Amino acid sequence: MPQLPDDLDAVAVRTWCSLALEALGRERAEIDAINVYPIADGDTGTNLYLTVESAAAAVEAVFAAHETGATAPATADAVRAMAHGALIGARGNSGTILAQLLRGMAGVLADGGDAAHLRLALTRAAAAARQAVAHPVEGTVLTVATAAAEAAQGDERELRAVVSAAYERARAALAKTPEQLAVLGRAGVVDAGGRGLVAVLGALVEAVTGQAPVRGPRTGSGKAAAPVDGGSVVGLPVGGVPVDGLAAVEGPLDCPEDLDGGGPAFEVIYLLEARDEQVYRLRARLDALGDSLVVVGGDGLWHVHVHVDDAGAAVEAGVEAGRPYRIRITHFATESGHDVRVQAEPAQRAVVVVVPGDGLAGLCTEAGATTVIARPGEPPASGELVDAIRRAHAREVVLLPNDAALRHTAAAAAEQARTEGVRVALVPTRAAVQGIAALAVHEPDRGFDEDVVAMTAAAGATRYAELAVAERQSWTMAGICQAGDILGLIDGDVAVIGADVPATARTVLDRMLAAGGELVTLVLGEDVPDTLADALEEHVREGYLAVDTVVYRGGHQRAPLLIGVE
C-alpha cells in the first residue's frame, strides 16, 4: 500500500489531479444531465472534465521534465502547473470558476502543503472565485466552495481530517442548493457546478487518505439529490435540456424565472494577455455588454468568459485590453425555451491540424483545414481537439497532431469523436512540416482510405528538424551543450550544437540533404529576419541542384526555425 502523505506534496497533487479526472469522467454525463442553470447548453460536467484534464496534463509535464527522476518535483512547481493548466484549458462558466479555485489554492500551497496551509488555501480559493464572478449568486458552486472553506477553517486537526471535513461540508451545502436557487428547486436537482466541485474535493480526500469518500451530496430527500455513482437523475424534468450550473451570471437572478426564455445569443471565451489595470476596464465593459461574466487569472494571463448578443464587441474589448487568443464563439438559438446549436449539413470530409503558430494557422486555414494552435508551453488537451473536430462539422475527419508528444492526446480525441458518429483517421505526424506535406496532397474528392494513405505517405517521406536555444548545460546526442547554444534537432534528436542560428541551420540542412531530397520547407519564427531565409535558399540552390525551397512565416512559435526535407 503506498505511503499516505503527511502534507500535500507534488506527488499528492499529481494523484489528486488524476483522481479528480477519473471522478469527473465517471460523473460527467450525470452532471451534464442536471444542468438547469443558467444557460441551457448541458455541458457543465464536460467543461469541468476538460478543465481538469488540462490541469492534470500540465502537472504530468512537470514530472516528465524533471531531469533526475530520483525525487519528485517541488510542490510549488506542481501546484502552479495545475493552476496554469486549468486556466488555459478552462471551459464554460464551470471550468472557469474551477480554474480560479485552483489558482487560489495554488497561491498558498506553493508555500506549504500542511493542514494550516490547506485551510488558508481553501479560504483564498473561495474568495478568489467570488471576486472573479461579476454578480455572485447563492445556491451555486460558489456556495459549495465557501462551505468547504468554512469547515476547513473550523477544523484544527491534521491534514486528513481537514480535507474530510471540507468535503463533508461541501456535500451538505450542495444538498441545500435547491432551497437557495428556485430554478434548481423546480427542477428537483442540485447545482451541477457544485456537484462537480464535490467530485474534485472527493478526489482530494482520496489522494490524502487513501480511501474514496462517499459519493454524491448529503441529503435526506430524493428529489433534490444529484445522482450518486451508478444512479439515475431523480427529479430531472422530462424533456428538459440541462444547462450550465454556475453562478457567473449578472442581472436580476433573485427571479430565475426570467432565465426561462431569451438570453444572449453568443458565448465568447478567450485567453487574454493584458495588464491588471486593463483587465479592470475590460470587466466593466463586458459587464455592460452581457451576462455570465467571469474573468479569472493574473500575472499577465487571463481567461475571459461572457454571454453577449454582440460577439464582435466582446472580442474588440479584449483587443483593446491586450492580446486575446484561443477565441471561441458559440452561437445559441432559442427554441421553446431550450438552447440548441445551429448546424448546417455536415461536409463529407475535413482536415484538423495542430499548428505551432498563427502564421501556419492562416496557411492551413486557407487550404481548408480547421486549426488548433499549440502555443509555447500550452499543448492542446484532447477536449480542444474534439472541439476542433466538431467545428470541422464533417462526416469524415483526418487529424494531424504534428507533435509526437500529442500522440496519445490525439488518439483520445479521435476515439471520443468516433463515439459521436464521426469517422476519424489519425495520421501520426510528428512535426508541423510533416503536416504541411500531408495537407498538400489532401484531395477530398477521392475515397477516404485512399486520401489517408496518400497523406500518411507524404508525411512519412518528410524528414523534419528544428532549431532551439539551450536553456542549460546538458548532455545531448551531439555532446555537451551550454546555456545559450543553438541546437539543431533532426527527427527529434539533437544532431548539431552551434553558436548561431544561420551556421547551425546550414549544417542541419547539409546533413538532411546528404540523404537526398527534392523540396526544402522553411518555417520562420516571429523574430527571425527574412534575410535568414534568403541566405538558406541560396545555400540550397548553390549546393543542391534540382532542390526547391519554400518559405513560410510561422508567427509566434516555440522554435525560431522549422525545416522539412521531402
Protein backbone atom coordinates (compact mmCIF):
# COMPACT_ATOMS: atom_id res chain seq x y z
CA MET A 1 0.00 0.00 0.00
CA PRO A 2 1.50 3.38 -0.95
CA GLN A 3 2.53 5.65 1.91
CA LEU A 4 -0.05 8.34 2.59
CA PRO A 5 1.22 11.92 2.51
CA ASP A 6 1.57 13.97 5.70
CA ASP A 7 1.13 17.07 3.59
CA LEU A 8 0.05 17.91 0.07
CA ASP A 9 3.34 17.43 -1.79
CA ALA A 10 3.92 17.23 -5.55
CA VAL A 11 3.12 13.51 -5.72
CA ALA A 12 -0.13 14.07 -3.82
CA VAL A 13 -1.05 16.92 -6.18
CA ARG A 14 -0.41 14.64 -9.14
CA THR A 15 -2.55 11.92 -7.57
CA TRP A 16 -5.29 14.44 -6.80
CA CYS A 17 -5.44 15.62 -10.41
CA SER A 18 -5.54 12.05 -11.71
CA LEU A 19 -8.30 11.02 -9.29
CA ALA A 20 -10.30 14.19 -9.99
CA LEU A 21 -10.15 13.46 -13.72
CA GLU A 22 -11.34 9.90 -13.10
CA ALA A 23 -14.17 11.10 -10.86
CA LEU A 24 -15.38 13.70 -13.35
CA GLY A 25 -15.09 11.13 -16.12
CA ARG A 26 -17.45 8.84 -14.20
CA GLU A 27 -19.90 11.61 -13.35
CA ARG A 28 -19.62 13.80 -16.44
CA ALA A 29 -22.83 12.65 -18.13
CA GLU A 30 -24.84 12.85 -14.92
CA ILE A 31 -23.57 16.35 -14.14
CA ASP A 32 -24.42 17.41 -17.67
CA ALA A 33 -27.90 15.96 -17.18
CA ILE A 34 -28.73 18.00 -14.04
CA ASN A 35 -27.62 21.27 -15.65
CA VAL A 36 -30.58 23.62 -15.26
CA TYR A 37 -28.92 26.97 -14.54
CA PRO A 38 -28.30 29.47 -16.06
CA ILE A 39 -27.87 28.66 -19.81
CA ALA A 40 -29.32 25.57 -21.43
CA ASP A 41 -26.23 24.04 -23.01
CA GLY A 42 -25.91 20.85 -20.95
CA ASP A 43 -22.13 20.82 -20.66
CA THR A 44 -21.08 21.57 -17.07
CA GLY A 45 -19.76 18.06 -16.47
CA THR A 46 -17.93 18.09 -19.77
CA ASN A 47 -16.49 21.55 -19.13
CA LEU A 48 -15.22 20.53 -15.71
CA TYR A 49 -13.71 17.35 -17.10
CA LEU A 50 -11.85 19.21 -19.86
CA THR A 51 -10.59 21.82 -17.40
CA VAL A 52 -9.19 19.19 -15.04
CA GLU A 53 -7.78 17.27 -17.98
CA SER A 54 -5.73 20.33 -18.91
CA ALA A 55 -4.62 20.80 -15.28
CA ALA A 56 -3.59 17.13 -14.97
CA ALA A 57 -1.67 17.28 -18.26
CA ALA A 58 0.28 20.32 -17.04
CA VAL A 59 1.24 18.51 -13.83
CA GLU A 60 2.32 15.44 -15.80
CA ALA A 61 4.50 17.68 -17.96
CA VAL A 62 6.28 18.94 -14.82
CA PHE A 63 7.03 15.38 -13.76
CA ALA A 64 8.15 14.43 -17.28
CA ALA A 65 10.52 17.39 -17.41
CA HIS A 66 12.07 16.59 -14.04
CA GLU A 67 15.55 15.54 -15.02
CA THR A 68 16.92 13.31 -12.25
CA GLY A 69 13.87 11.14 -11.66
CA ALA A 70 15.25 10.32 -8.20
CA THR A 71 12.99 12.78 -6.42
CA ALA A 72 9.68 14.39 -7.19
CA PRO A 73 9.40 17.98 -8.43
CA ALA A 74 8.88 20.75 -5.92
CA THR A 75 5.34 21.16 -4.63
CA ALA A 76 5.32 24.76 -5.83
CA ASP A 77 6.07 23.66 -9.39
CA ALA A 78 3.27 21.07 -9.32
CA VAL A 79 0.55 23.33 -7.91
CA ARG A 80 1.47 26.22 -10.18
CA ALA A 81 1.37 23.91 -13.20
CA MET A 82 -2.01 22.64 -12.07
CA ALA A 83 -3.38 26.17 -11.81
CA HIS A 84 -1.87 27.27 -15.12
CA GLY A 85 -3.13 24.18 -16.92
CA ALA A 86 -6.63 24.75 -15.58
CA LEU A 87 -6.51 28.41 -16.61
CA ILE A 88 -5.52 27.81 -20.22
CA GLY A 89 -7.86 24.82 -20.58
CA ALA A 90 -10.89 26.21 -18.73
CA ARG A 91 -14.26 25.65 -20.41
CA GLY A 92 -17.53 27.41 -19.77
CA ASN A 93 -18.61 29.06 -16.53
CA SER A 94 -17.97 25.91 -14.56
CA GLY A 95 -14.43 25.31 -15.77
CA THR A 96 -13.54 28.98 -15.46
CA ILE A 97 -14.66 29.09 -11.82
CA LEU A 98 -12.82 25.85 -11.05
CA ALA A 99 -9.67 27.30 -12.62
CA GLN A 100 -9.90 30.27 -10.28
CA LEU A 101 -10.45 27.99 -7.28
CA LEU A 102 -7.34 26.01 -8.17
CA ARG A 103 -5.39 29.19 -8.75
CA GLY A 104 -6.42 30.49 -5.33
CA MET A 105 -5.30 27.26 -3.71
CA ALA A 106 -2.02 27.14 -5.63
CA GLY A 107 -1.02 30.59 -4.39
CA VAL A 108 -0.98 29.24 -0.83
CA LEU A 109 0.03 25.60 -1.36
CA ALA A 110 3.17 26.73 -3.19
CA ASP A 111 4.45 27.77 0.25
CA GLY A 112 3.46 24.57 2.04
CA GLY A 113 1.01 21.69 1.98
CA ASP A 114 0.27 21.01 5.65
CA ALA A 115 -3.13 21.39 7.31
CA ALA A 116 -2.66 25.08 8.13
CA HIS A 117 -1.77 25.90 4.53
CA LEU A 118 -4.68 23.87 3.20
CA ARG A 119 -7.13 25.71 5.46
CA LEU A 120 -5.86 29.03 4.15
CA ALA A 121 -5.77 27.70 0.56
CA LEU A 122 -9.45 26.76 0.59
CA THR A 123 -10.36 30.15 2.07
CA ARG A 124 -8.35 32.05 -0.54
CA ALA A 125 -9.83 29.90 -3.30
CA ALA A 126 -13.43 30.58 -2.30
CA ALA A 127 -12.75 34.32 -2.01
CA ALA A 128 -10.95 34.44 -5.37
CA ALA A 129 -13.80 32.64 -7.12
CA ARG A 130 -16.37 35.11 -5.79
CA GLN A 131 -14.23 38.04 -6.89
CA ALA A 132 -13.97 36.59 -10.39
CA VAL A 133 -17.73 36.42 -10.86
CA ALA A 134 -19.43 39.64 -11.87
CA HIS A 135 -22.60 39.00 -9.83
CA PRO A 136 -22.30 36.09 -7.36
CA VAL A 137 -25.46 34.12 -6.56
CA GLU A 138 -26.05 31.70 -3.69
CA GLY A 139 -27.06 28.13 -4.34
CA THR A 140 -24.23 27.59 -6.78
CA VAL A 141 -20.67 26.30 -6.81
CA LEU A 142 -19.62 29.48 -5.00
CA THR A 143 -21.79 28.47 -2.04
CA VAL A 144 -20.30 24.99 -2.02
CA ALA A 145 -16.73 26.35 -2.15
CA THR A 146 -17.44 28.75 0.72
CA ALA A 147 -18.89 25.96 2.84
CA ALA A 148 -15.81 23.81 2.28
CA ALA A 149 -13.55 26.70 3.27
CA GLU A 150 -15.54 27.43 6.42
CA ALA A 151 -15.37 23.80 7.50
CA ALA A 152 -11.63 23.71 6.95
CA GLN A 153 -11.11 26.90 8.93
CA GLY A 154 -13.05 25.45 11.84
CA ASP A 155 -11.03 22.24 12.00
CA GLU A 156 -7.67 22.43 13.80
CA ARG A 157 -6.78 18.77 13.26
CA GLU A 158 -4.25 17.25 10.86
CA LEU A 159 -4.44 17.31 7.07
CA ARG A 160 -6.61 14.23 6.54
CA ALA A 161 -9.23 15.43 8.98
CA VAL A 162 -9.29 18.89 7.39
CA VAL A 163 -9.85 17.64 3.84
CA SER A 164 -12.55 15.23 5.06
CA ALA A 165 -14.32 17.99 6.97
CA ALA A 166 -14.21 20.29 3.93
CA TYR A 167 -15.62 17.55 1.70
CA GLU A 168 -18.45 16.66 4.09
CA ARG A 169 -19.49 20.29 4.49
CA ALA A 170 -19.38 20.74 0.71
CA ARG A 171 -21.71 17.75 0.28
CA ALA A 172 -24.11 19.20 2.83
CA ALA A 173 -24.05 22.61 1.14
CA LEU A 174 -24.66 21.00 -2.25
CA ALA A 175 -27.75 19.21 -0.95
CA LYS A 176 -29.22 22.57 0.12
CA THR A 177 -28.70 24.37 -3.19
CA PRO A 178 -32.28 23.65 -4.42
CA GLU A 179 -33.52 25.58 -1.39
CA GLN A 180 -31.38 28.59 -2.28
CA LEU A 181 -31.97 28.80 -6.02
CA ALA A 182 -35.57 28.44 -7.17
CA VAL A 183 -34.73 27.13 -10.64
CA LEU A 184 -32.95 24.17 -9.02
CA GLY A 185 -35.86 23.53 -6.69
CA ARG A 186 -38.37 23.50 -9.54
CA ALA A 187 -36.23 21.02 -11.46
CA GLY A 188 -35.57 18.90 -8.37
CA VAL A 189 -31.80 18.84 -8.83
CA VAL A 190 -28.73 20.19 -7.07
CA ASP A 191 -26.37 22.67 -8.69
CA ALA A 192 -24.31 20.97 -11.39
CA GLY A 193 -21.18 23.06 -10.89
CA GLY A 194 -21.34 22.46 -7.15
CA ARG A 195 -21.65 18.75 -7.74
CA GLY A 196 -18.54 18.85 -9.90
CA LEU A 197 -16.63 20.66 -7.14
CA VAL A 198 -17.72 17.99 -4.65
CA ALA A 199 -16.25 15.37 -7.01
CA VAL A 200 -12.95 17.28 -7.12
CA LEU A 201 -12.85 17.62 -3.33
CA GLY A 202 -13.68 13.93 -3.02
CA ALA A 203 -10.63 13.17 -5.16
CA LEU A 204 -8.55 15.31 -2.78
CA VAL A 205 -9.83 13.25 0.17
CA GLU A 206 -8.84 10.04 -1.62
CA ALA A 207 -5.41 11.41 -2.55
CA VAL A 208 -4.69 12.32 1.08
CA THR A 209 -6.40 9.50 2.99
CA GLY A 210 -6.12 6.66 0.51
CA GLN A 211 -9.85 5.96 0.77
CA ALA A 212 -12.57 7.01 -1.65
CA PRO A 213 -15.22 9.07 0.15
CA VAL A 214 -18.97 8.63 -0.02
CA ARG A 215 -20.15 9.90 -3.40
CA GLY A 216 -22.90 12.42 -4.02
CA PRO A 217 -24.42 15.10 -1.79
CA ARG A 218 -25.66 14.57 1.73
CA THR A 219 -29.42 14.83 1.53
CA GLY A 220 -32.44 13.29 3.06
CA SER A 221 -34.80 13.92 0.15
CA GLY A 222 -34.85 12.01 -3.07
CA LYS A 223 -35.94 14.72 -5.47
CA ALA A 224 -33.30 17.26 -4.54
CA ALA A 225 -30.46 14.80 -4.80
CA ALA A 226 -27.94 14.62 -7.56
CA PRO A 227 -27.38 11.03 -8.66
CA VAL A 228 -24.62 9.07 -6.98
CA ASP A 229 -22.30 6.69 -8.80
CA GLY A 230 -24.31 4.36 -10.97
CA GLY A 231 -27.58 6.06 -10.02
CA SER A 232 -30.10 7.91 -12.11
CA VAL A 233 -31.10 11.53 -12.12
CA VAL A 234 -34.04 12.00 -9.77
CA GLY A 235 -36.41 14.85 -10.50
CA LEU A 236 -34.94 15.86 -13.87
CA PRO A 237 -37.72 17.48 -15.91
CA VAL A 238 -38.98 15.25 -18.71
CA GLY A 239 -37.61 16.57 -21.99
CA GLY A 240 -35.55 19.18 -20.16
CA VAL A 241 -32.28 20.22 -21.74
CA PRO A 242 -29.67 20.61 -18.97
CA VAL A 243 -27.77 23.84 -18.59
CA ASP A 244 -24.57 25.17 -17.05
CA GLY A 245 -24.74 25.17 -13.26
CA LEU A 246 -22.60 28.10 -12.12
CA ALA A 247 -23.37 31.48 -10.72
CA ALA A 248 -21.33 33.52 -13.13
CA VAL A 249 -24.36 35.50 -14.23
CA GLU A 250 -25.37 39.09 -13.79
CA GLY A 251 -28.85 40.53 -13.71
CA PRO A 252 -31.98 40.02 -11.58
CA LEU A 253 -31.25 36.43 -10.57
CA ASP A 254 -33.45 36.69 -7.50
CA CYS A 255 -36.13 35.80 -10.05
CA PRO A 256 -34.65 32.91 -12.07
CA GLU A 257 -37.92 32.64 -13.97
CA ASP A 258 -36.52 35.40 -16.16
CA LEU A 259 -33.98 32.90 -17.44
CA ASP A 260 -36.54 30.57 -18.96
CA GLY A 261 -36.75 32.44 -22.23
CA GLY A 262 -34.38 34.51 -24.29
CA GLY A 263 -30.89 35.48 -23.20
CA PRO A 264 -27.73 36.46 -25.02
CA ALA A 265 -27.12 34.84 -28.38
CA PHE A 266 -23.39 34.09 -28.05
CA GLU A 267 -20.92 32.61 -25.60
CA VAL A 268 -17.50 34.23 -26.03
CA ILE A 269 -14.37 32.76 -24.45
CA TYR A 270 -10.74 33.72 -24.91
CA LEU A 271 -7.37 33.81 -23.22
CA LEU A 272 -6.01 37.32 -22.79
CA GLU A 273 -2.53 38.67 -22.26
CA ALA A 274 -3.04 42.02 -20.53
CA ARG A 275 -2.02 44.19 -17.59
CA ASP A 276 -4.15 44.26 -14.45
CA GLU A 277 -5.37 47.82 -14.98
CA GLN A 278 -6.55 46.95 -18.48
CA VAL A 279 -8.48 43.98 -17.17
CA TYR A 280 -10.35 46.13 -14.64
CA ARG A 281 -11.64 48.27 -17.51
CA LEU A 282 -12.40 45.17 -19.57
CA ARG A 283 -14.58 43.76 -16.78
CA ALA A 284 -16.66 46.93 -16.69
CA ARG A 285 -17.12 46.98 -20.45
CA LEU A 286 -18.07 43.30 -20.73
CA ASP A 287 -20.39 43.62 -17.74
CA ALA A 288 -22.33 46.24 -19.68
CA LEU A 289 -22.40 44.09 -22.83
CA GLY A 290 -23.86 40.88 -21.44
CA ASP A 291 -24.07 38.42 -18.57
CA SER A 292 -22.41 35.23 -17.26
CA LEU A 293 -19.23 37.28 -16.93
CA VAL A 294 -16.26 35.55 -15.34
CA VAL A 295 -12.68 36.82 -15.64
CA VAL A 296 -10.00 34.77 -13.89
CA GLY A 297 -6.22 34.70 -13.86
CA GLY A 298 -3.45 37.15 -13.12
CA ASP A 299 0.25 37.79 -13.70
CA GLY A 300 -0.50 38.95 -17.22
CA LEU A 301 -2.63 35.98 -18.36
CA TRP A 302 -6.42 35.91 -18.03
CA HIS A 303 -9.31 33.69 -19.05
CA VAL A 304 -12.41 35.60 -20.14
CA HIS A 305 -15.92 34.15 -20.37
CA VAL A 306 -19.09 36.11 -21.15
CA HIS A 307 -22.51 35.68 -22.80
CA VAL A 308 -23.41 38.53 -25.15
CA ASP A 309 -25.54 39.45 -28.14
CA ASP A 310 -22.64 41.23 -29.85
CA ALA A 311 -19.77 38.74 -30.02
CA GLY A 312 -17.65 41.14 -32.07
CA ALA A 313 -17.86 43.82 -29.40
CA ALA A 314 -16.75 41.32 -26.74
CA VAL A 315 -13.70 40.36 -28.78
CA GLU A 316 -12.94 44.01 -29.62
CA ALA A 317 -12.99 44.79 -25.91
CA GLY A 318 -10.33 42.13 -25.45
CA VAL A 319 -8.22 43.58 -28.27
CA GLU A 320 -8.34 46.99 -26.62
CA ALA A 321 -7.30 45.47 -23.29
CA GLY A 322 -4.43 43.34 -24.59
CA ARG A 323 -3.86 40.34 -26.86
CA PRO A 324 -6.76 37.85 -26.96
CA TYR A 325 -6.20 34.39 -28.43
CA ARG A 326 -7.80 30.93 -28.43
CA ILE A 327 -11.03 32.77 -29.14
CA ARG A 328 -14.13 30.54 -29.11
CA ILE A 329 -17.56 31.88 -30.05
CA THR A 330 -20.64 29.68 -29.70
CA HIS A 331 -23.99 30.76 -31.10
CA PHE A 332 -27.11 29.81 -29.18
CA ALA A 333 -30.55 29.75 -30.84
CA THR A 334 -33.52 29.66 -28.51
CA GLU A 335 -36.31 27.27 -29.34
CA SER A 336 -39.11 26.51 -26.88
CA GLY A 337 -37.01 27.82 -24.03
CA HIS A 338 -34.15 25.45 -24.77
CA ASP A 339 -30.81 26.36 -26.25
CA VAL A 340 -29.65 24.41 -29.26
CA ARG A 341 -26.70 24.75 -31.58
CA VAL A 342 -27.45 25.88 -35.13
CA GLN A 343 -25.84 23.40 -37.53
CA ALA A 344 -25.68 23.23 -41.30
CA GLU A 345 -25.49 19.96 -43.19
CA PRO A 346 -22.07 18.41 -42.42
CA ALA A 347 -19.39 18.29 -45.09
CA GLN A 348 -18.20 14.93 -46.30
CA ARG A 349 -14.56 15.36 -45.22
CA ALA A 350 -12.35 17.79 -43.35
CA VAL A 351 -8.82 18.03 -42.00
CA VAL A 352 -8.00 19.13 -38.45
CA VAL A 353 -4.41 20.20 -37.94
CA VAL A 354 -2.42 21.32 -34.88
CA VAL A 355 -0.02 24.15 -35.71
CA PRO A 356 2.67 25.85 -33.59
CA GLY A 357 1.91 29.47 -34.55
CA ASP A 358 -0.54 31.95 -36.04
CA GLY A 359 1.25 32.08 -39.39
CA LEU A 360 0.83 28.39 -40.12
CA ALA A 361 -2.72 28.56 -38.80
CA GLY A 362 -3.54 31.07 -41.54
CA LEU A 363 -1.81 28.96 -44.16
CA CYS A 364 -3.69 25.81 -43.17
CA THR A 365 -6.99 27.66 -42.92
CA GLU A 366 -6.52 28.93 -46.47
CA ALA A 367 -6.01 25.31 -47.51
CA GLY A 368 -9.39 24.46 -46.00
CA ALA A 369 -8.25 22.89 -42.71
CA THR A 370 -9.60 23.51 -39.21
CA THR A 371 -6.71 24.55 -36.99
CA VAL A 372 -5.75 24.26 -33.33
CA ILE A 373 -2.86 26.45 -32.21
CA ALA A 374 -0.35 24.86 -29.83
CA ARG A 375 1.35 27.83 -28.22
CA PRO A 376 4.72 27.51 -26.43
CA GLY A 377 4.18 25.62 -23.19
CA GLU A 378 0.44 25.21 -23.90
CA PRO A 379 -0.19 21.92 -25.75
CA PRO A 380 -3.87 21.36 -26.56
CA ALA A 381 -5.82 18.87 -24.47
CA SER A 382 -7.91 16.14 -26.05
CA GLY A 383 -11.05 18.19 -25.40
CA GLU A 384 -9.71 21.03 -27.54
CA LEU A 385 -9.03 18.60 -30.38
CA VAL A 386 -12.53 17.15 -30.03
CA ASP A 387 -13.92 20.68 -30.22
CA ALA A 388 -11.96 21.27 -33.41
CA ILE A 389 -13.31 18.05 -34.92
CA ARG A 390 -16.82 19.22 -34.08
CA ARG A 391 -16.12 22.66 -35.58
CA ALA A 392 -14.94 20.97 -38.77
CA HIS A 393 -18.50 19.61 -38.98
CA ALA A 394 -17.79 16.75 -41.35
CA ARG A 395 -18.69 13.08 -41.57
CA GLU A 396 -15.02 12.17 -42.10
CA VAL A 397 -12.04 13.88 -40.47
CA VAL A 398 -8.29 13.47 -40.90
CA LEU A 399 -6.45 14.55 -37.75
CA LEU A 400 -2.85 15.80 -37.97
CA PRO A 401 -1.36 16.31 -34.45
CA ASN A 402 2.07 17.43 -35.77
CA ASP A 403 3.79 16.55 -32.50
CA ALA A 404 4.93 13.18 -31.19
CA ALA A 405 4.02 14.26 -27.66
CA LEU A 406 0.39 14.69 -28.75
CA ARG A 407 0.03 11.13 -30.00
CA HIS A 408 -2.00 9.85 -27.03
CA THR A 409 -3.96 13.09 -26.73
CA ALA A 410 -4.92 12.95 -30.40
CA ALA A 411 -5.82 9.27 -30.14
CA ALA A 412 -8.15 10.02 -27.22
CA ALA A 413 -9.77 12.86 -29.17
CA ALA A 414 -10.24 10.64 -32.21
CA GLU A 415 -11.86 7.93 -30.09
CA GLN A 416 -14.23 10.43 -28.49
CA ALA A 417 -15.23 11.84 -31.88
CA ARG A 418 -15.90 8.32 -33.17
CA THR A 419 -18.40 7.77 -30.36
CA GLU A 420 -20.23 10.84 -31.73
CA GLY A 421 -20.56 9.28 -35.16
CA VAL A 422 -17.59 10.93 -36.91
CA ARG A 423 -15.22 8.76 -38.93
CA VAL A 424 -11.74 9.89 -37.83
CA ALA A 425 -8.34 8.86 -39.16
CA LEU A 426 -5.28 9.86 -37.16
CA VAL A 427 -2.18 10.46 -39.28
CA PRO A 428 0.72 10.35 -36.76
CA THR A 429 2.55 13.47 -37.96
CA ARG A 430 5.37 14.42 -35.59
CA ALA A 431 6.15 17.93 -36.82
CA ALA A 432 4.40 20.85 -38.49
CA VAL A 433 6.35 20.39 -41.73
CA GLN A 434 5.01 16.83 -41.97
CA GLY A 435 1.50 18.22 -41.54
CA ILE A 436 2.10 20.73 -44.33
CA ALA A 437 3.27 17.91 -46.61
CA ALA A 438 0.22 15.81 -45.76
CA LEU A 439 -2.18 18.71 -46.28
CA ALA A 440 -0.59 19.46 -49.66
CA VAL A 441 -1.67 16.08 -51.08
CA HIS A 442 -5.12 16.04 -49.46
CA GLU A 443 -7.92 15.53 -52.01
CA PRO A 444 -11.43 15.46 -50.52
CA ASP A 445 -12.95 14.08 -53.72
CA ARG A 446 -11.17 10.73 -53.59
CA GLY A 447 -12.01 7.85 -51.26
CA PHE A 448 -11.36 8.35 -47.55
CA ASP A 449 -8.93 5.46 -47.16
CA GLU A 450 -7.06 6.45 -50.31
CA ASP A 451 -6.78 10.05 -49.10
CA VAL A 452 -5.49 8.96 -45.68
CA VAL A 453 -2.89 6.67 -47.26
CA ALA A 454 -1.63 9.47 -49.54
CA MET A 455 -1.41 11.94 -46.66
CA THR A 456 0.35 9.40 -44.44
CA ALA A 457 2.86 8.63 -47.18
CA ALA A 458 3.60 12.32 -47.76
CA ALA A 459 4.15 12.91 -44.05
CA GLY A 460 6.34 9.83 -43.71
CA ALA A 461 8.51 10.94 -46.64
CA THR A 462 9.25 14.28 -44.93
CA ARG A 463 12.21 14.46 -42.58
CA TYR A 464 11.89 17.23 -40.04
CA ALA A 465 14.20 19.41 -37.99
CA GLU A 466 14.03 22.45 -35.77
CA LEU A 467 16.40 24.89 -34.14
CA ALA A 468 16.19 25.57 -30.42
CA VAL A 469 18.12 27.55 -27.83
CA ALA A 470 19.64 25.51 -24.99
CA GLU A 471 18.29 26.65 -21.62
CA ARG A 472 21.00 24.99 -19.52
CA GLN A 473 24.13 22.87 -19.72
CA SER A 474 23.20 19.28 -20.52
CA TRP A 475 24.22 16.10 -22.29
CA THR A 476 22.88 15.57 -25.80
CA MET A 477 23.34 13.07 -28.62
CA ALA A 478 25.78 15.57 -30.17
CA GLY A 479 27.79 16.18 -26.99
CA ILE A 480 27.58 18.65 -24.11
CA CYS A 481 25.77 21.91 -24.78
CA GLN A 482 25.93 25.13 -22.78
CA ALA A 483 23.12 27.52 -21.97
CA GLY A 484 22.54 29.76 -24.99
CA ASP A 485 23.89 27.31 -27.56
CA ILE A 486 21.85 26.80 -30.73
CA LEU A 487 20.68 23.20 -31.02
CA GLY A 488 19.78 21.57 -34.31
CA LEU A 489 17.34 18.71 -33.76
CA ILE A 490 16.80 16.28 -36.63
CA ASP A 491 13.87 13.89 -36.32
CA GLY A 492 13.62 14.80 -32.63
CA ASP A 493 17.26 14.23 -31.60
CA VAL A 494 19.98 16.84 -31.11
CA ALA A 495 22.32 16.43 -34.07
CA VAL A 496 24.15 19.77 -34.16
CA ILE A 497 25.36 22.20 -31.49
CA GLY A 498 26.19 25.63 -32.87
CA ALA A 499 26.94 29.18 -31.83
CA ASP A 500 24.43 30.99 -34.04
CA VAL A 501 21.25 30.31 -35.98
CA PRO A 502 22.50 30.74 -39.60
CA ALA A 503 25.53 28.46 -39.27
CA THR A 504 23.59 25.82 -37.34
CA ALA A 505 20.77 25.90 -39.89
CA ARG A 506 23.21 25.39 -42.77
CA THR A 507 24.79 22.41 -41.03
CA VAL A 508 21.39 20.87 -40.33
CA LEU A 509 20.35 21.32 -43.96
CA ASP A 510 23.56 19.73 -45.21
CA ARG A 511 23.05 16.68 -43.01
CA MET A 512 19.44 16.28 -44.07
CA LEU A 513 20.12 16.76 -47.80
CA ALA A 514 23.03 14.33 -47.75
CA ALA A 515 20.40 11.59 -47.87
CA GLY A 516 18.69 13.26 -50.84
CA GLY A 517 15.61 15.39 -51.24
CA GLU A 518 13.54 17.38 -53.71
CA LEU A 519 11.92 20.08 -51.60
CA VAL A 520 13.04 22.06 -48.56
CA THR A 521 10.42 23.74 -46.38
CA LEU A 522 11.48 26.54 -44.03
CA VAL A 523 9.11 27.89 -41.36
CA LEU A 524 10.45 31.08 -39.75
CA GLY A 525 9.60 32.17 -36.22
CA GLU A 526 8.21 35.58 -35.38
CA ASP A 527 11.53 37.31 -34.69
CA VAL A 528 13.61 35.66 -37.41
CA PRO A 529 14.57 38.08 -40.24
CA ASP A 530 13.77 37.34 -43.86
CA THR A 531 17.49 37.57 -44.61
CA LEU A 532 17.97 34.18 -42.95
CA ALA A 533 15.53 32.56 -45.35
CA ASP A 534 17.25 34.28 -48.29
CA ALA A 535 20.65 33.01 -47.15
CA LEU A 536 19.40 29.45 -46.64
CA GLU A 537 17.64 29.43 -50.02
CA GLU A 538 20.89 30.49 -51.67
CA HIS A 539 22.78 27.81 -49.73
CA VAL A 540 20.42 25.12 -51.03
CA ARG A 541 20.44 26.48 -54.57
CA GLU A 542 24.24 26.55 -54.76
CA GLY A 543 24.88 23.19 -53.14
CA TYR A 544 21.99 21.02 -54.24
CA LEU A 545 20.81 21.12 -57.82
CA ALA A 546 17.12 20.49 -58.54
CA VAL A 547 16.13 21.03 -54.90
CA ASP A 548 13.42 23.66 -54.46
CA THR A 549 12.82 25.74 -51.34
CA VAL A 550 9.56 27.17 -49.96
CA VAL A 551 9.39 29.60 -47.05
CA TYR A 552 6.52 30.24 -44.64
CA ARG A 553 6.12 32.62 -41.73
CA GLY A 554 5.11 30.66 -38.63
CA GLY A 555 4.41 33.61 -36.35
CA HIS A 556 4.76 33.19 -32.58
CA GLN A 557 6.11 29.64 -32.27
CA ARG A 558 8.44 27.78 -29.93
CA ALA A 559 11.30 27.25 -32.40
CA PRO A 560 12.98 30.06 -34.37
CA LEU A 561 13.19 27.78 -37.43
CA LEU A 562 11.45 24.62 -38.59
CA ILE A 563 12.89 22.64 -41.51
CA GLY A 564 11.37 19.93 -43.65
CA VAL A 565 13.01 17.90 -46.42
CA GLU A 566 10.97 15.68 -48.72
